[in-house]
Amino acid sequence: MREDKQLLVITHLSQLLTCLTGVGGLIVPLVLWLTQKDRVYFMDQQGKEIVNFQLSIIVYSLLSIPLIFLLGLGIVTLIVVGLISLAFPIINAIKASNGEVPKYPLSLNFIS
């Protein structure tokens, strides 16, 4: 196994593809994680965190849609989810480049 902080940073930042493509932020980190988890230190741990975070963002976004129609709070929830999905990949990419262990808030545990 090798240490590759740049690939970890790219994996974290690839989540921002969701802003451009809608689903690229899940597919690209998933492919990088599956192909590199046995070759790069910390890729397995951080890849799981990224995939869990992206799946959580999708779930929270889908749950906020009915809240828009019921209470109007879904708009606020959707804005907060959008800001979290933009901020934390950048924050955690910086942490990964510094050798720190990144953590994603409100992340559901789909893959352990």
PDB file of N, CA and C in Angstrom:
ATOM      1  N   MET A   1       0.843  -1.188   0.000  1.00  0.00           N
ATOM      2  CA  MET A   1       0.000   0.000   0.000  1.00  0.00           C
ATOM      3  C   MET A   1       0.877   1.236   0.000  1.00  0.00           C
ATOM      4  N   ARG A   2       0.359   2.277  -0.587  1.00  0.00           N
ATOM      5  CA  ARG A   2       1.110   3.524  -0.651  1.00  0.00           C
ATOM      6  C   ARG A   2       0.287   4.655  -0.025  1.00  0.00           C
ATOM      7  N   GLU A   3       0.994   5.687   0.379  1.00  0.00           N
ATOM      8  CA  GLU A   3       0.327   6.870   0.909  1.00  0.00           C
ATOM      9  C   GLU A   3       0.161   7.864  -0.232  1.00  0.00           C
ATOM     10  N   ASP A   4      -1.053   8.301  -0.476  1.00  0.00           N
ATOM     11  CA  ASP A   4      -1.329   9.207  -1.590  1.00  0.00           C
ATOM     12  C   ASP A   4      -2.350  10.249  -1.134  1.00  0.00           C
ATOM     13  N   LYS A   5      -1.848  11.320  -0.516  1.00  0.00           N
ATOM     14  CA  LYS A   5      -2.728  12.369  -0.012  1.00  0.00           C
ATOM     15  C   LYS A   5      -3.444  13.100  -1.147  1.00  0.00           C
ATOM     16  N   GLN A   6      -2.787  13.223  -2.289  1.00  0.00           N
ATOM     17  CA  GLN A   6      -3.415  13.917  -3.421  1.00  0.00           C
ATOM     18  C   GLN A   6      -4.656  13.187  -3.912  1.00  0.00           C
ATOM     19  N   LEU A   7      -4.585  11.866  -3.974  1.00  0.00           N
ATOM     20  CA  LEU A   7      -5.749  11.101  -4.403  1.00  0.00           C
ATOM     21  C   LEU A   7      -6.881  11.209  -3.388  1.00  0.00           C
ATOM     22  N   LEU A   8      -6.541  11.249  -2.113  1.00  0.00           N
ATOM     23  CA  LEU A   8      -7.565  11.439  -1.090  1.00  0.00           C
ATOM     24  C   LEU A   8      -8.228  12.810  -1.229  1.00  0.00           C
ATOM     25  N   VAL A   9      -7.435  13.831  -1.493  1.00  0.00           N
ATOM     26  CA  VAL A   9      -7.972  15.175  -1.690  1.00  0.00           C
ATOM     27  C   VAL A   9      -8.882  15.201  -2.919  1.00  0.00           C
ATOM     28  N   ILE A  10      -8.450  14.582  -4.004  1.00  0.00           N
ATOM     29  CA  ILE A  10      -9.259  14.526  -5.224  1.00  0.00           C
ATOM     30  C   ILE A  10     -10.565  13.786  -4.957  1.00  0.00           C
ATOM     31  N   THR A  11     -10.500  12.721  -4.178  1.00  0.00           N
ATOM     32  CA  THR A  11     -11.709  11.966  -3.859  1.00  0.00           C
ATOM     33  C   THR A  11     -12.693  12.824  -3.074  1.00  0.00           C
ATOM     34  N   HIS A  12     -12.196  13.591  -2.112  1.00  0.00           N
ATOM     35  CA  HIS A  12     -13.085  14.480  -1.351  1.00  0.00           C
ATOM     36  C   HIS A  12     -13.653  15.572  -2.240  1.00  0.00           C
ATOM     37  N   LEU A  13     -12.821  16.172  -3.065  1.00  0.00           N
ATOM     38  CA  LEU A  13     -13.286  17.273  -3.912  1.00  0.00           C
ATOM     39  C   LEU A  13     -14.180  16.803  -5.057  1.00  0.00           C
ATOM     40  N   SER A  14     -14.073  15.543  -5.432  1.00  0.00           N
ATOM     41  CA  SER A  14     -14.913  15.036  -6.526  1.00  0.00           C
ATOM     42  C   SER A  14     -16.390  15.033  -6.148  1.00  0.00           C
ATOM     43  N   GLN A  15     -16.689  15.147  -4.878  1.00  0.00           N
ATOM     44  CA  GLN A  15     -18.084  15.256  -4.447  1.00  0.00           C
ATOM     45  C   GLN A  15     -18.744  16.520  -4.978  1.00  0.00           C
ATOM     46  N   LEU A  16     -17.947  17.522  -5.274  1.00  0.00           N
ATOM     47  CA  LEU A  16     -18.493  18.780  -5.778  1.00  0.00           C
ATOM     48  C   LEU A  16     -19.023  18.649  -7.200  1.00  0.00           C
ATOM     49  N   LEU A  17     -18.785  17.515  -7.843  1.00  0.00           N
ATOM     50  CA  LEU A  17     -19.354  17.268  -9.165  1.00  0.00           C
ATOM     51  C   LEU A  17     -20.876  17.216  -9.125  1.00  0.00           C
ATOM     52  N   THR A  18     -21.434  16.999  -7.962  1.00  0.00           N
ATOM     53  CA  THR A  18     -22.889  16.997  -7.833  1.00  0.00           C
ATOM     54  C   THR A  18     -23.465  18.340  -8.261  1.00  0.00           C
ATOM     55  N   CYS A  19     -22.743  19.404  -8.011  1.00  0.00           N
ATOM     56  CA  CYS A  19     -23.206  20.739  -8.411  1.00  0.00           C
ATOM     57  C   CYS A  19     -23.313  20.856  -9.929  1.00  0.00           C
ATOM     58  N   LEU A  20     -22.467  20.136 -10.651  1.00  0.00           N
ATOM     59  CA  LEU A  20     -22.460  20.204 -12.106  1.00  0.00           C
ATOM     60  C   LEU A  20     -23.331  19.149 -12.770  1.00  0.00           C
ATOM     61  N   THR A  21     -23.268  17.920 -12.267  1.00  0.00           N
ATOM     62  CA  THR A  21     -23.934  16.816 -12.956  1.00  0.00           C
ATOM     63  C   THR A  21     -25.133  16.255 -12.204  1.00  0.00           C
ATOM     64  N   GLY A  22     -25.241  16.497 -10.937  1.00  0.00           N
ATOM     65  CA  GLY A  22     -26.337  15.968 -10.151  1.00  0.00           C
ATOM     66  C   GLY A  22     -26.000  14.665  -9.447  1.00  0.00           C
ATOM     67  N   VAL A  23     -25.265  13.770 -10.098  1.00  0.00           N
ATOM     68  CA  VAL A  23     -24.944  12.491  -9.482  1.00  0.00           C
ATOM     69  C   VAL A  23     -23.452  12.187  -9.513  1.00  0.00           C
ATOM     70  N   GLY A  24     -22.659  12.973 -10.177  1.00  0.00           N
ATOM     71  CA  GLY A  24     -21.225  12.710 -10.275  1.00  0.00           C
ATOM     72  C   GLY A  24     -20.526  12.720  -8.936  1.00  0.00           C
ATOM     73  N   GLY A  25     -21.081  13.433  -7.969  1.00  0.00           N
ATOM     74  CA  GLY A  25     -20.497  13.497  -6.639  1.00  0.00           C
ATOM     75  C   GLY A  25     -20.622  12.207  -5.872  1.00  0.00           C
ATOM     76  N   LEU A  26     -21.444  11.295  -6.346  1.00  0.00           N
ATOM     77  CA  LEU A  26     -21.540   9.974  -5.744  1.00  0.00           C
ATOM     78  C   LEU A  26     -20.767   8.953  -6.564  1.00  0.00           C
ATOM     79  N   ILE A  27     -20.877   9.028  -7.871  1.00  0.00           N
ATOM     80  CA  ILE A  27     -20.285   8.012  -8.744  1.00  0.00           C
ATOM     81  C   ILE A  27     -18.764   8.062  -8.747  1.00  0.00           C
ATOM     82  N   VAL A  28     -18.181   9.238  -8.899  1.00  0.00           N
ATOM     83  CA  VAL A  28     -16.718   9.352  -8.991  1.00  0.00           C
ATOM     84  C   VAL A  28     -16.035   8.919  -7.692  1.00  0.00           C
ATOM     85  N   PRO A  29     -16.457   9.398  -6.506  1.00  0.00           N
ATOM     86  CA  PRO A  29     -15.820   8.893  -5.283  1.00  0.00           C
ATOM     87  C   PRO A  29     -16.034   7.397  -5.077  1.00  0.00           C
ATOM     88  N   LEU A  30     -17.189   6.896  -5.486  1.00  0.00           N
ATOM     89  CA  LEU A  30     -17.466   5.468  -5.357  1.00  0.00           C
ATOM     90  C   LEU A  30     -16.504   4.647  -6.209  1.00  0.00           C
ATOM     91  N   VAL A  31     -16.276   5.081  -7.436  1.00  0.00           N
ATOM     92  CA  VAL A  31     -15.340   4.375  -8.319  1.00  0.00           C
ATOM     93  C   VAL A  31     -13.915   4.471  -7.779  1.00  0.00           C
ATOM     94  N   LEU A  32     -13.511   5.662  -7.340  1.00  0.00           N
ATOM     95  CA  LEU A  32     -12.163   5.824  -6.779  1.00  0.00           C
ATOM     96  C   LEU A  32     -11.985   4.956  -5.541  1.00  0.00           C
ATOM     97  N   TRP A  33     -12.978   4.922  -4.677  1.00  0.00           N
ATOM     98  CA  TRP A  33     -12.900   4.108  -3.462  1.00  0.00           C
ATOM     99  C   TRP A  33     -12.801   2.626  -3.803  1.00  0.00           C
ATOM    100  N   LEU A  34     -13.674   2.149  -4.698  1.00  0.00           N
ATOM    101  CA  LEU A  34     -13.679   0.724  -5.025  1.00  0.00           C
ATOM    102  C   LEU A  34     -12.395   0.270  -5.713  1.00  0.00           C
ATOM    103  N   THR A  35     -11.795   1.133  -6.520  1.00  0.00           N
ATOM    104  CA  THR A  35     -10.589   0.735  -7.251  1.00  0.00           C
ATOM    105  C   THR A  35      -9.307   0.937  -6.453  1.00  0.00           C
ATOM    106  N   GLN A  36      -9.312   1.828  -5.465  1.00  0.00           N
ATOM    107  CA  GLN A  36      -8.076   2.177  -4.762  1.00  0.00           C
ATOM    108  C   GLN A  36      -8.067   1.802  -3.285  1.00  0.00           C
ATOM    109  N   LYS A  37      -9.127   1.210  -2.766  1.00  0.00           N
ATOM    110  CA  LYS A  37      -9.198   0.956  -1.324  1.00  0.00           C
ATOM    111  C   LYS A  37      -8.142  -0.021  -0.822  1.00  0.00           C
ATOM    112  N   ASP A  38      -7.660  -0.882  -1.679  1.00  0.00           N
ATOM    113  CA  ASP A  38      -6.621  -1.834  -1.279  1.00  0.00           C
ATOM    114  C   ASP A  38      -5.220  -1.364  -1.646  1.00  0.00           C
ATOM    115  N   ARG A  39      -5.104  -0.203  -2.267  1.00  0.00           N
ATOM    116  CA  ARG A  39      -3.806   0.287  -2.728  1.00  0.00           C
ATOM    117  C   ARG A  39      -3.320   1.533  -2.002  1.00  0.00           C
ATOM    118  N   VAL A  40      -4.241   2.311  -1.446  1.00  0.00           N
ATOM    119  CA  VAL A  40      -3.891   3.594  -0.824  1.00  0.00           C
ATOM    120  C   VAL A  40      -4.316   3.580   0.642  1.00  0.00           C
ATOM    121  N   TYR A  41      -3.372   3.965   1.517  1.00  0.00           N
ATOM    122  CA  TYR A  41      -3.679   4.070   2.940  1.00  0.00           C
ATOM    123  C   TYR A  41      -4.839   5.040   3.147  1.00  0.00           C
ATOM    124  N   PHE A  42      -5.738   4.701   4.040  1.00  0.00           N
ATOM    125  CA  PHE A  42      -6.880   5.516   4.449  1.00  0.00           C
ATOM    126  C   PHE A  42      -7.954   5.676   3.375  1.00  0.00           C
ATOM    127  N   MET A  43      -7.760   5.117   2.172  1.00  0.00           N
ATOM    128  CA  MET A  43      -8.786   5.253   1.135  1.00  0.00           C
ATOM    129  C   MET A  43     -10.037   4.475   1.524  1.00  0.00           C
ATOM    130  N   ASP A  44      -9.876   3.314   2.132  1.00  0.00           N
ATOM    131  CA  ASP A  44     -11.047   2.530   2.509  1.00  0.00           C
ATOM    132  C   ASP A  44     -11.891   3.278   3.537  1.00  0.00           C
ATOM    133  N   GLN A  45     -11.246   3.799   4.567  1.00  0.00           N
ATOM    134  CA  GLN A  45     -11.954   4.525   5.621  1.00  0.00           C
ATOM    135  C   GLN A  45     -12.595   5.800   5.074  1.00  0.00           C
ATOM    136  N   GLN A  46     -11.824   6.622   4.364  1.00  0.00           N
ATOM    137  CA  GLN A  46     -12.342   7.887   3.885  1.00  0.00           C
ATOM    138  C   GLN A  46     -13.328   7.693   2.736  1.00  0.00           C
ATOM    139  N   GLY A  47     -13.125   6.676   1.921  1.00  0.00           N
ATOM    140  CA  GLY A  47     -14.065   6.384   0.847  1.00  0.00           C
ATOM    141  C   GLY A  47     -15.433   6.012   1.386  1.00  0.00           C
ATOM    142  N   LYS A  48     -15.456   5.207   2.450  1.00  0.00           N
ATOM    143  CA  LYS A  48     -16.723   4.850   3.088  1.00  0.00           C
ATOM    144  C   LYS A  48     -17.414   6.081   3.645  1.00  0.00           C
ATOM    145  N   GLU A  49     -16.625   6.945   4.272  1.00  0.00           N
ATOM    146  CA  GLU A  49     -17.187   8.190   4.826  1.00  0.00           C
ATOM    147  C   GLU A  49     -17.811   9.048   3.718  1.00  0.00           C
ATOM    148  N   ILE A  50     -17.116   9.153   2.595  1.00  0.00           N
ATOM    149  CA  ILE A  50     -17.596   9.979   1.485  1.00  0.00           C
ATOM    150  C   ILE A  50     -18.869   9.397   0.897  1.00  0.00           C
ATOM    151  N   VAL A  51     -18.894   8.099   0.653  1.00  0.00           N
ATOM    152  CA  VAL A  51     -20.082   7.469   0.074  1.00  0.00           C
ATOM    153  C   VAL A  51     -21.261   7.562   1.039  1.00  0.00           C
ATOM    154  N   ASN A  52     -21.024   7.325   2.321  1.00  0.00           N
ATOM    155  CA  ASN A  52     -22.092   7.474   3.311  1.00  0.00           C
ATOM    156  C   ASN A  52     -22.617   8.901   3.348  1.00  0.00           C
ATOM    157  N   PHE A  53     -21.713   9.870   3.253  1.00  0.00           N
ATOM    158  CA  PHE A  53     -22.113  11.272   3.274  1.00  0.00           C
ATOM    159  C   PHE A  53     -22.953  11.609   2.049  1.00  0.00           C
ATOM    160  N   GLN A  54     -22.535  11.162   0.876  1.00  0.00           N
ATOM    161  CA  GLN A  54     -23.286  11.457  -0.342  1.00  0.00           C
ATOM    162  C   GLN A  54     -24.664  10.794  -0.334  1.00  0.00           C
ATOM    163  N   LEU A  55     -24.729   9.560   0.139  1.00  0.00           N
ATOM    164  CA  LEU A  55     -26.033   8.898   0.248  1.00  0.00           C
ATOM    165  C   LEU A  55     -26.918   9.608   1.272  1.00  0.00           C
ATOM    166  N   SER A  56     -26.327  10.095   2.354  1.00  0.00           N
ATOM    167  CA  SER A  56     -27.083  10.841   3.361  1.00  0.00           C
ATOM    168  C   SER A  56     -27.626  12.142   2.788  1.00  0.00           C
ATOM    169  N   ILE A  57     -26.816  12.829   1.999  1.00  0.00           N
ATOM    170  CA  ILE A  57     -27.259  14.079   1.372  1.00  0.00           C
ATOM    171  C   ILE A  57     -28.450  13.810   0.458  1.00  0.00           C
ATOM    172  N   ILE A  58     -28.398  12.714  -0.286  1.00  0.00           N
ATOM    173  CA  ILE A  58     -29.521  12.358  -1.173  1.00  0.00           C
ATOM    174  C   ILE A  58     -30.776  12.083  -0.349  1.00  0.00           C
ATOM    175  N   VAL A  59     -30.644  11.337   0.743  1.00  0.00           N
ATOM    176  CA  VAL A  59     -31.790  11.027   1.597  1.00  0.00           C
ATOM    177  C   VAL A  59     -32.366  12.306   2.202  1.00  0.00           C
ATOM    178  N   TYR A  60     -31.507  13.173   2.735  1.00  0.00           N
ATOM    179  CA  TYR A  60     -31.988  14.419   3.335  1.00  0.00           C
ATOM    180  C   TYR A  60     -32.661  15.320   2.302  1.00  0.00           C
ATOM    181  N   SER A  61     -32.134  15.344   1.093  1.00  0.00           N
ATOM    182  CA  SER A  61     -32.750  16.144   0.044  1.00  0.00           C
ATOM    183  C   SER A  61     -34.128  15.603  -0.326  1.00  0.00           C
ATOM    184  N   LEU A  62     -34.227  14.289  -0.435  1.00  0.00           N
ATOM    185  CA  LEU A  62     -35.521  13.683  -0.760  1.00  0.00           C
ATOM    186  C   LEU A  62     -36.539  13.877   0.361  1.00  0.00           C
ATOM    187  N   LEU A  63     -36.089  13.822   1.605  1.00  0.00           N
ATOM    188  CA  LEU A  63     -36.996  14.039   2.736  1.00  0.00           C
ATOM    189  C   LEU A  63     -37.460  15.488   2.845  1.00  0.00           C
ATOM    190  N   SER A  64     -36.672  16.424   2.344  1.00  0.00           N
ATOM    191  CA  SER A  64     -37.056  17.828   2.446  1.00  0.00           C
ATOM    192  C   SER A  64     -38.124  18.207   1.420  1.00  0.00           C
ATOM    193  N   ILE A  65     -38.292  17.406   0.370  1.00  0.00           N
ATOM    194  CA  ILE A  65     -39.294  17.732  -0.655  1.00  0.00           C
ATOM    195  C   ILE A  65     -40.715  17.715  -0.089  1.00  0.00           C
ATOM    196  N   PRO A  66     -41.137  16.670   0.628  1.00  0.00           N
ATOM    197  CA  PRO A  66     -42.490  16.728   1.210  1.00  0.00           C
ATOM    198  C   PRO A  66     -42.636  17.842   2.246  1.00  0.00           C
ATOM    199  N   LEU A  67     -41.545  18.170   2.922  1.00  0.00           N
ATOM    200  CA  LEU A  67     -41.612  19.248   3.911  1.00  0.00           C
ATOM    201  C   LEU A  67     -41.864  20.598   3.262  1.00  0.00           C
ATOM    202  N   ILE A  68     -41.494  20.745   2.000  1.00  0.00           N
ATOM    203  CA  ILE A  68     -41.776  21.997   1.286  1.00  0.00           C
ATOM    204  C   ILE A  68     -43.282  22.178   1.166  1.00  0.00           C
ATOM    205  N   PHE A  69     -43.968  21.107   0.808  1.00  0.00           N
ATOM    206  CA  PHE A  69     -45.411  21.184   0.612  1.00  0.00           C
ATOM    207  C   PHE A  69     -46.176  21.220   1.931  1.00  0.00           C
ATOM    208  N   LEU A  70     -45.661  20.571   2.954  1.00  0.00           N
ATOM    209  CA  LEU A  70     -46.373  20.502   4.222  1.00  0.00           C
ATOM    210  C   LEU A  70     -46.180  21.744   5.079  1.00  0.00           C
ATOM    211  N   LEU A  71     -44.966  22.122   5.294  1.00  0.00           N
ATOM    212  CA  LEU A  71     -44.698  23.187   6.252  1.00  0.00           C
ATOM    213  C   LEU A  71     -43.922  24.367   5.688  1.00  0.00           C
ATOM    214  N   GLY A  72     -43.343  24.203   4.535  1.00  0.00           N
ATOM    215  CA  GLY A  72     -42.488  25.249   3.998  1.00  0.00           C
ATOM    216  C   GLY A  72     -41.086  25.213   4.571  1.00  0.00           C
ATOM    217  N   LEU A  73     -40.871  24.356   5.573  1.00  0.00           N
ATOM    218  CA  LEU A  73     -39.549  24.238   6.181  1.00  0.00           C
ATOM    219  C   LEU A  73     -38.579  23.483   5.282  1.00  0.00           C
ATOM    220  N   GLY A  74     -39.110  22.774   4.304  1.00  0.00           N
ATOM    221  CA  GLY A  74     -38.264  22.013   3.401  1.00  0.00           C
ATOM    222  C   GLY A  74     -37.321  22.887   2.613  1.00  0.00           C
ATOM    223  N   ILE A  75     -37.724  24.113   2.343  1.00  0.00           N
ATOM    224  CA  ILE A  75     -36.850  25.044   1.611  1.00  0.00           C
ATOM    225  C   ILE A  75     -35.629  25.363   2.460  1.00  0.00           C
ATOM    226  N   VAL A  76     -35.844  25.630   3.735  1.00  0.00           N
ATOM    227  CA  VAL A  76     -34.735  25.908   4.639  1.00  0.00           C
ATOM    228  C   VAL A  76     -33.847  24.671   4.766  1.00  0.00           C
ATOM    229  N   THR A  77     -34.486  23.506   4.899  1.00  0.00           N
ATOM    230  CA  THR A  77     -33.735  22.256   5.008  1.00  0.00           C
ATOM    231  C   THR A  77     -32.904  22.014   3.761  1.00  0.00           C
ATOM    232  N   LEU A  78     -33.485  22.256   2.595  1.00  0.00           N
ATOM    233  CA  LEU A  78     -32.773  22.059   1.338  1.00  0.00           C
ATOM    234  C   LEU A  78     -31.583  23.009   1.209  1.00  0.00           C
ATOM    235  N   ILE A  79     -31.740  24.242   1.655  1.00  0.00           N
ATOM    236  CA  ILE A  79     -30.638  25.209   1.629  1.00  0.00           C
ATOM    237  C   ILE A  79     -29.516  24.771   2.568  1.00  0.00           C
ATOM    238  N   VAL A  80     -29.877  24.328   3.771  1.00  0.00           N
ATOM    239  CA  VAL A  80     -28.874  23.874   4.735  1.00  0.00           C
ATOM    240  C   VAL A  80     -28.137  22.643   4.202  1.00  0.00           C
ATOM    241  N   VAL A  81     -28.871  21.692   3.642  1.00  0.00           N
ATOM    242  CA  VAL A  81     -28.252  20.495   3.073  1.00  0.00           C
ATOM    243  C   VAL A  81     -27.316  20.884   1.930  1.00  0.00           C
ATOM    244  N   GLY A  82     -27.735  21.832   1.107  1.00  0.00           N
ATOM    245  CA  GLY A  82     -26.882  22.303   0.010  1.00  0.00           C
ATOM    246  C   GLY A  82     -25.597  22.944   0.509  1.00  0.00           C
ATOM    247  N   LEU A  83     -25.696  23.750   1.537  1.00  0.00           N
ATOM    248  CA  LEU A  83     -24.498  24.393   2.097  1.00  0.00           C
ATOM    249  C   LEU A  83     -23.566  23.383   2.734  1.00  0.00           C
ATOM    250  N   ILE A  84     -24.131  22.407   3.431  1.00  0.00           N
ATOM    251  CA  ILE A  84     -23.310  21.362   4.047  1.00  0.00           C
ATOM    252  C   ILE A  84     -22.614  20.540   2.976  1.00  0.00           C
ATOM    253  N   SER A  85     -23.346  20.233   1.887  1.00  0.00           N
ATOM    254  CA  SER A  85     -22.754  19.415   0.828  1.00  0.00           C
ATOM    255  C   SER A  85     -21.683  20.168   0.040  1.00  0.00           C
ATOM    256  N   LEU A  86     -21.677  21.473   0.126  1.00  0.00           N
ATOM    257  CA  LEU A  86     -20.605  22.262  -0.503  1.00  0.00           C
ATOM    258  C   LEU A  86     -19.426  22.479   0.435  1.00  0.00           C
ATOM    259  N   ALA A  87     -19.705  22.739   1.696  1.00  0.00           N
ATOM    260  CA  ALA A  87     -18.651  23.123   2.634  1.00  0.00           C
ATOM    261  C   ALA A  87     -17.796  21.949   3.095  1.00  0.00           C
ATOM    262  N   PHE A  88     -18.421  20.852   3.465  1.00  0.00           N
ATOM    263  CA  PHE A  88     -17.658  19.779   4.099  1.00  0.00           C
ATOM    264  C   PHE A  88     -16.720  19.012   3.175  1.00  0.00           C
ATOM    265  N   PRO A  89     -17.030  18.835   1.895  1.00  0.00           N
ATOM    266  CA  PRO A  89     -16.001  18.241   1.037  1.00  0.00           C
ATOM    267  C   PRO A  89     -14.734  19.095   0.963  1.00  0.00           C
ATOM    268  N   ILE A  90     -14.890  20.401   0.947  1.00  0.00           N
ATOM    269  CA  ILE A  90     -13.728  21.294   0.895  1.00  0.00           C
ATOM    270  C   ILE A  90     -12.960  21.244   2.216  1.00  0.00           C
ATOM    271  N   ILE A  91     -13.682  21.333   3.323  1.00  0.00           N
ATOM    272  CA  ILE A  91     -13.043  21.274   4.648  1.00  0.00           C
ATOM    273  C   ILE A  91     -12.296  19.959   4.820  1.00  0.00           C
ATOM    274  N   ASN A  92     -12.945  18.857   4.440  1.00  0.00           N
ATOM    275  CA  ASN A  92     -12.319  17.551   4.629  1.00  0.00           C
ATOM    276  C   ASN A  92     -11.210  17.278   3.634  1.00  0.00           C
ATOM    277  N   ALA A  93     -11.235  17.900   2.476  1.00  0.00           N
ATOM    278  CA  ALA A  93     -10.105  17.787   1.545  1.00  0.00           C
ATOM    279  C   ALA A  93      -8.877  18.459   2.148  1.00  0.00           C
ATOM    280  N   ILE A  94      -9.078  19.593   2.790  1.00  0.00           N
ATOM    281  CA  ILE A  94      -7.969  20.280   3.463  1.00  0.00           C
ATOM    282  C   ILE A  94      -7.432  19.424   4.606  1.00  0.00           C
ATOM    283  N   LYS A  95      -8.341  18.828   5.378  1.00  0.00           N
ATOM    284  CA  LYS A  95      -7.902  17.956   6.466  1.00  0.00           C
ATOM    285  C   LYS A  95      -7.126  16.758   5.932  1.00  0.00           C
ATOM    286  N   ALA A  96      -7.601  16.168   4.840  1.00  0.00           N
ATOM    287  CA  ALA A  96      -6.911  15.004   4.258  1.00  0.00           C
ATOM    288  C   ALA A  96      -5.529  15.384   3.751  1.00  0.00           C
ATOM    289  N   SER A  97      -5.390  16.578   3.199  1.00  0.00           N
ATOM    290  CA  SER A  97      -4.077  17.003   2.707  1.00  0.00           C
ATOM    291  C   SER A  97      -3.100  17.265   3.849  1.00  0.00           C
ATOM    292  N   ASN A  98      -3.633  17.584   5.028  1.00  0.00           N
ATOM    293  CA  ASN A  98      -2.789  17.802   6.206  1.00  0.00           C
ATOM    294  C   ASN A  98      -2.562  16.533   7.010  1.00  0.00           C
ATOM    295  N   GLY A  99      -3.125  15.415   6.559  1.00  0.00           N
ATOM    296  CA  GLY A  99      -2.949  14.146   7.253  1.00  0.00           C
ATOM    297  C   GLY A  99      -3.897  13.931   8.409  1.00  0.00           C
ATOM    298  N   GLU A 100      -4.887  14.802   8.563  1.00  0.00           N
ATOM    299  CA  GLU A 100      -5.880  14.656   9.622  1.00  0.00           C
ATOM    300  C   GLU A 100      -6.974  13.701   9.163  1.00  0.00           C
ATOM    301  N   VAL A 101      -7.742  13.195  10.109  1.00  0.00           N
ATOM    302  CA  VAL A 101      -8.850  12.300   9.787  1.00  0.00           C
ATOM    303  C   VAL A 101     -10.107  13.141   9.588  1.00  0.00           C
ATOM    304  N   PRO A 102     -10.642  13.165   8.364  1.00  0.00           N
ATOM    305  CA  PRO A 102     -11.851  13.953   8.116  1.00  0.00           C
ATOM    306  C   PRO A 102     -13.099  13.244   8.644  1.00  0.00           C
ATOM    307  N   LYS A 103     -14.075  14.024   9.024  1.00  0.00           N
ATOM    308  CA  LYS A 103     -15.346  13.501   9.523  1.00  0.00           C
ATOM    309  C   LYS A 103     -16.479  14.294   8.896  1.00  0.00           C
ATOM    310  N   TYR A 104     -17.532  13.601   8.498  1.00  0.00           N
ATOM    311  CA  TYR A 104     -18.691  14.255   7.916  1.00  0.00           C
ATOM    312  C   TYR A 104     -19.839  14.257   8.918  1.00  0.00           C
ATOM    313  N   PRO A 105     -20.457  15.422   9.141  1.00  0.00           N
ATOM    314  CA  PRO A 105     -21.549  15.502  10.113  1.00  0.00           C
ATOM    315  C   PRO A 105     -22.854  14.942   9.527  1.00  0.00           C
ATOM    316  N   LEU A 106     -23.721  14.491  10.379  1.00  0.00           N
ATOM    317  CA  LEU A 106     -25.054  14.023   9.998  1.00  0.00           C
ATOM    318  C   LEU A 106     -25.040  12.916   8.957  1.00  0.00           C
ATOM    319  N   SER A 107     -23.951  12.192   8.908  1.00  0.00           N
ATOM    320  CA  SER A 107     -23.787  11.129   7.921  1.00  0.00           C
ATOM    321  C   SER A 107     -24.390   9.832   8.458  1.00  0.00           C
ATOM    322  N   LEU A 108     -25.324   9.270   7.688  1.00  0.00           N
ATOM    323  CA  LEU A 108     -25.918   7.984   8.047  1.00  0.00           C
ATOM    324  C   LEU A 108     -24.952   6.874   7.674  1.00  0.00           C
ATOM    325  N   ASN A 109     -25.002   5.791   8.398  1.00  0.00           N
ATOM    326  CA  ASN A 109     -24.043   4.704   8.187  1.00  0.00           C
ATOM    327  C   ASN A 109     -24.643   3.632   7.265  1.00  0.00           C
ATOM    328  N   PHE A 110     -24.512   3.818   5.958  1.00  0.00           N
ATOM    329  CA  PHE A 110     -24.989   2.845   4.979  1.00  0.00           C
ATOM    330  C   PHE A 110     -23.946   1.749   4.763  1.00  0.00           C
ATOM    331  N   ILE A 111     -22.671   2.153   4.701  1.00  0.00           N
ATOM    332  CA  ILE A 111     -21.575   1.237   4.460  1.00  0.00           C
ATOM    333  C   ILE A 111     -20.657   1.295   5.686  1.00  0.00           C
ATOM    334  N   SER A 112     -20.375   0.142   6.264  1.00  0.00           N
ATOM    335  CA  SER A 112     -19.506   0.162   7.449  1.00  0.00           C
ATOM    336  C   SER A 112     -18.276  -0.700   7.236  1.00  0.00           C
TER     337      SER A 112
END
